[in-house]
Amino acid sequence: MDLSQKSTENVEFMIEKIKEKLKVLNMGAIKPSHFDGEMYEELRDVYEMVMRKNSFSPNEMQAIAEELGNLRKQS
């Protein structure tokens, strides 16, 4: 998958992979539709960081959740 290209499919892919890796319990809390192209590069940075690590401390999990919250579309 070529994540260098901004697309809805790539956003969906990255969000799903982040949720799988972090074992997000409340899957409905993070949806690809919450993100748009404006924050694509930042989302990709979070995705790449999550994919590089094998485990996460509770503090890291909190920081990642907060960052994803910051990247959400403003209603």
N, C-alpha and C. Protein backbone atom coordinates (compact mmCIF):
# COMPACT_ATOMS: atom_id res chain seq x y z
N MET A 1 0.85 -1.18 0.00
CA MET A 1 0.00 0.00 0.00
C MET A 1 0.89 1.24 0.00
N ASP A 2 0.59 2.18 -0.87
CA ASP A 2 1.38 3.40 -1.01
C ASP A 2 0.76 4.50 -0.14
N LEU A 3 1.29 4.65 1.06
CA LEU A 3 0.74 5.64 1.98
C LEU A 3 1.22 7.05 1.71
N SER A 4 2.06 7.22 0.70
CA SER A 4 2.51 8.57 0.36
C SER A 4 1.41 9.35 -0.36
N GLN A 5 0.38 8.64 -0.82
CA GLN A 5 -0.74 9.27 -1.53
C GLN A 5 -1.91 9.48 -0.57
N LYS A 6 -2.39 10.72 -0.52
CA LYS A 6 -3.56 11.01 0.31
C LYS A 6 -4.78 10.39 -0.33
N SER A 7 -5.48 9.54 0.44
CA SER A 7 -6.73 8.97 -0.06
C SER A 7 -7.56 8.50 1.12
N THR A 8 -8.85 8.41 0.88
CA THR A 8 -9.76 7.90 1.91
C THR A 8 -9.39 6.47 2.27
N GLU A 9 -9.01 5.69 1.27
CA GLU A 9 -8.64 4.30 1.52
C GLU A 9 -7.42 4.20 2.43
N ASN A 10 -6.43 5.07 2.21
CA ASN A 10 -5.24 5.06 3.04
C ASN A 10 -5.55 5.48 4.47
N VAL A 11 -6.42 6.46 4.64
CA VAL A 11 -6.83 6.87 5.99
C VAL A 11 -7.50 5.69 6.69
N GLU A 12 -8.42 5.02 5.99
CA GLU A 12 -9.11 3.87 6.57
C GLU A 12 -8.12 2.78 6.96
N PHE A 13 -7.17 2.50 6.07
CA PHE A 13 -6.17 1.47 6.33
C PHE A 13 -5.36 1.80 7.58
N MET A 14 -4.85 3.04 7.66
CA MET A 14 -4.01 3.43 8.80
C MET A 14 -4.78 3.37 10.11
N ILE A 15 -6.01 3.87 10.11
CA ILE A 15 -6.82 3.86 11.33
C ILE A 15 -7.07 2.42 11.78
N GLU A 16 -7.43 1.56 10.85
CA GLU A 16 -7.70 0.16 11.21
C GLU A 16 -6.44 -0.51 11.76
N LYS A 17 -5.30 -0.26 11.16
CA LYS A 17 -4.05 -0.87 11.63
C LYS A 17 -3.66 -0.33 13.00
N ILE A 18 -3.86 0.97 13.24
CA ILE A 18 -3.57 1.55 14.55
C ILE A 18 -4.47 0.90 15.60
N LYS A 19 -5.76 0.76 15.29
CA LYS A 19 -6.69 0.14 16.24
C LYS A 19 -6.29 -1.30 16.55
N GLU A 20 -5.90 -2.05 15.52
CA GLU A 20 -5.48 -3.44 15.72
C GLU A 20 -4.24 -3.50 16.61
N LYS A 21 -3.26 -2.69 16.31
CA LYS A 21 -1.99 -2.73 17.04
C LYS A 21 -2.17 -2.32 18.50
N LEU A 22 -3.01 -1.33 18.71
CA LEU A 22 -3.21 -0.82 20.08
C LEU A 22 -4.28 -1.62 20.83
N LYS A 23 -4.94 -2.52 20.11
CA LYS A 23 -6.02 -3.32 20.72
C LYS A 23 -7.07 -2.41 21.36
N VAL A 24 -7.53 -1.46 20.57
CA VAL A 24 -8.52 -0.49 21.04
C VAL A 24 -9.81 -1.23 21.40
N LEU A 25 -10.26 -1.05 22.63
CA LEU A 25 -11.46 -1.75 23.09
C LEU A 25 -12.73 -1.12 22.54
N ASN A 26 -12.78 0.19 22.52
CA ASN A 26 -13.96 0.89 22.03
C ASN A 26 -13.74 1.25 20.56
N MET A 27 -13.92 0.27 19.69
CA MET A 27 -13.64 0.45 18.27
C MET A 27 -14.44 1.58 17.64
N GLY A 28 -15.63 1.81 18.14
CA GLY A 28 -16.46 2.87 17.58
C GLY A 28 -15.95 4.27 17.88
N ALA A 29 -15.05 4.38 18.82
CA ALA A 29 -14.54 5.69 19.21
C ALA A 29 -13.59 6.26 18.16
N ILE A 30 -12.98 5.39 17.36
CA ILE A 30 -12.05 5.85 16.33
C ILE A 30 -12.56 5.36 14.99
N LYS A 31 -12.99 6.29 14.16
CA LYS A 31 -13.53 5.94 12.85
C LYS A 31 -12.76 6.71 11.77
N PRO A 32 -12.50 6.08 10.65
CA PRO A 32 -11.83 6.79 9.56
C PRO A 32 -12.55 8.06 9.13
N SER A 33 -13.86 8.08 9.25
CA SER A 33 -14.63 9.26 8.84
C SER A 33 -14.35 10.47 9.73
N HIS A 34 -13.71 10.26 10.88
CA HIS A 34 -13.37 11.36 11.78
C HIS A 34 -12.16 12.15 11.30
N PHE A 35 -11.49 11.66 10.27
CA PHE A 35 -10.25 12.27 9.81
C PHE A 35 -10.39 12.73 8.36
N ASP A 36 -9.67 13.80 8.03
CA ASP A 36 -9.70 14.27 6.65
C ASP A 36 -8.29 14.48 6.14
N GLY A 37 -8.19 14.90 4.90
CA GLY A 37 -6.89 15.07 4.25
C GLY A 37 -6.02 16.15 4.85
N GLU A 38 -6.61 17.07 5.57
CA GLU A 38 -5.84 18.17 6.16
C GLU A 38 -4.78 17.66 7.13
N MET A 39 -5.08 16.58 7.80
CA MET A 39 -4.17 16.04 8.81
C MET A 39 -3.52 14.73 8.37
N TYR A 40 -3.48 14.50 7.06
CA TYR A 40 -3.00 13.22 6.55
C TYR A 40 -1.56 12.93 6.99
N GLU A 41 -0.67 13.88 6.83
CA GLU A 41 0.74 13.66 7.16
C GLU A 41 0.91 13.36 8.65
N GLU A 42 0.18 14.07 9.48
CA GLU A 42 0.26 13.85 10.92
C GLU A 42 -0.25 12.45 11.28
N LEU A 43 -1.36 12.06 10.64
CA LEU A 43 -1.90 10.72 10.87
C LEU A 43 -0.90 9.66 10.43
N ARG A 44 -0.26 9.89 9.30
CA ARG A 44 0.74 8.94 8.82
C ARG A 44 1.92 8.85 9.79
N ASP A 45 2.32 9.96 10.38
CA ASP A 45 3.39 9.95 11.38
C ASP A 45 3.01 9.09 12.58
N VAL A 46 1.77 9.25 13.05
CA VAL A 46 1.29 8.45 14.18
C VAL A 46 1.27 6.97 13.78
N TYR A 47 0.75 6.68 12.60
CA TYR A 47 0.69 5.31 12.10
C TYR A 47 2.09 4.68 12.07
N GLU A 48 3.05 5.39 11.51
CA GLU A 48 4.41 4.85 11.39
C GLU A 48 5.04 4.61 12.75
N MET A 49 4.81 5.51 13.69
CA MET A 49 5.35 5.34 15.03
C MET A 49 4.72 4.12 15.71
N VAL A 50 3.42 3.97 15.58
CA VAL A 50 2.72 2.83 16.19
C VAL A 50 3.22 1.52 15.59
N MET A 51 3.40 1.49 14.28
CA MET A 51 3.83 0.25 13.61
C MET A 51 5.26 -0.14 13.99
N ARG A 52 6.10 0.82 14.35
CA ARG A 52 7.49 0.53 14.71
C ARG A 52 7.63 -0.13 16.07
N LYS A 53 6.70 0.13 16.96
CA LYS A 53 6.82 -0.36 18.34
C LYS A 53 6.10 -1.69 18.53
N ASN A 54 6.64 -2.49 19.44
CA ASN A 54 6.01 -3.78 19.73
C ASN A 54 5.05 -3.72 20.90
N SER A 55 5.28 -2.79 21.83
CA SER A 55 4.39 -2.67 22.99
C SER A 55 4.34 -1.21 23.41
N PHE A 56 3.32 -0.89 24.20
CA PHE A 56 3.08 0.49 24.61
C PHE A 56 2.77 0.55 26.10
N SER A 57 3.34 1.53 26.75
CA SER A 57 3.01 1.76 28.16
C SER A 57 1.64 2.43 28.23
N PRO A 58 1.01 2.42 29.40
CA PRO A 58 -0.26 3.13 29.54
C PRO A 58 -0.13 4.62 29.17
N ASN A 59 0.98 5.23 29.54
CA ASN A 59 1.19 6.65 29.21
C ASN A 59 1.29 6.85 27.70
N GLU A 60 1.97 5.93 27.01
CA GLU A 60 2.08 6.04 25.56
C GLU A 60 0.71 5.85 24.90
N MET A 61 -0.07 4.91 25.41
CA MET A 61 -1.42 4.69 24.88
C MET A 61 -2.26 5.95 25.03
N GLN A 62 -2.16 6.58 26.19
CA GLN A 62 -2.90 7.81 26.44
C GLN A 62 -2.46 8.91 25.48
N ALA A 63 -1.15 9.04 25.28
CA ALA A 63 -0.62 10.08 24.40
C ALA A 63 -1.08 9.85 22.95
N ILE A 64 -1.08 8.60 22.51
CA ILE A 64 -1.54 8.29 21.15
C ILE A 64 -3.02 8.60 21.01
N ALA A 65 -3.81 8.23 21.99
CA ALA A 65 -5.25 8.53 21.95
C ALA A 65 -5.49 10.04 21.90
N GLU A 66 -4.72 10.79 22.69
CA GLU A 66 -4.87 12.24 22.68
C GLU A 66 -4.47 12.82 21.33
N GLU A 67 -3.40 12.31 20.75
CA GLU A 67 -2.96 12.80 19.44
C GLU A 67 -4.00 12.51 18.37
N LEU A 68 -4.57 11.30 18.39
CA LEU A 68 -5.63 10.98 17.42
C LEU A 68 -6.83 11.91 17.64
N GLY A 69 -7.14 12.21 18.88
CA GLY A 69 -8.22 13.16 19.17
C GLY A 69 -7.93 14.53 18.61
N ASN A 70 -6.68 14.96 18.69
CA ASN A 70 -6.28 16.27 18.16
C ASN A 70 -6.38 16.31 16.64
N LEU A 71 -6.22 15.16 16.00
CA LEU A 71 -6.24 15.10 14.53
C LEU A 71 -7.64 14.98 13.95
N ARG A 72 -8.62 14.75 14.79
CA ARG A 72 -10.00 14.59 14.30
C ARG A 72 -10.50 15.87 13.66
N LYS A 73 -11.39 15.70 12.70
CA LYS A 73 -12.02 16.85 12.04
C LYS A 73 -12.77 17.66 13.08
N GLN A 74 -12.70 18.95 12.92
CA GLN A 74 -13.47 19.83 13.79
C GLN A 74 -14.88 19.95 13.23
N SER A 75 -15.87 19.71 14.07
CA SER A 75 -17.27 19.74 13.61
C SER A 75 -17.75 21.15 13.43
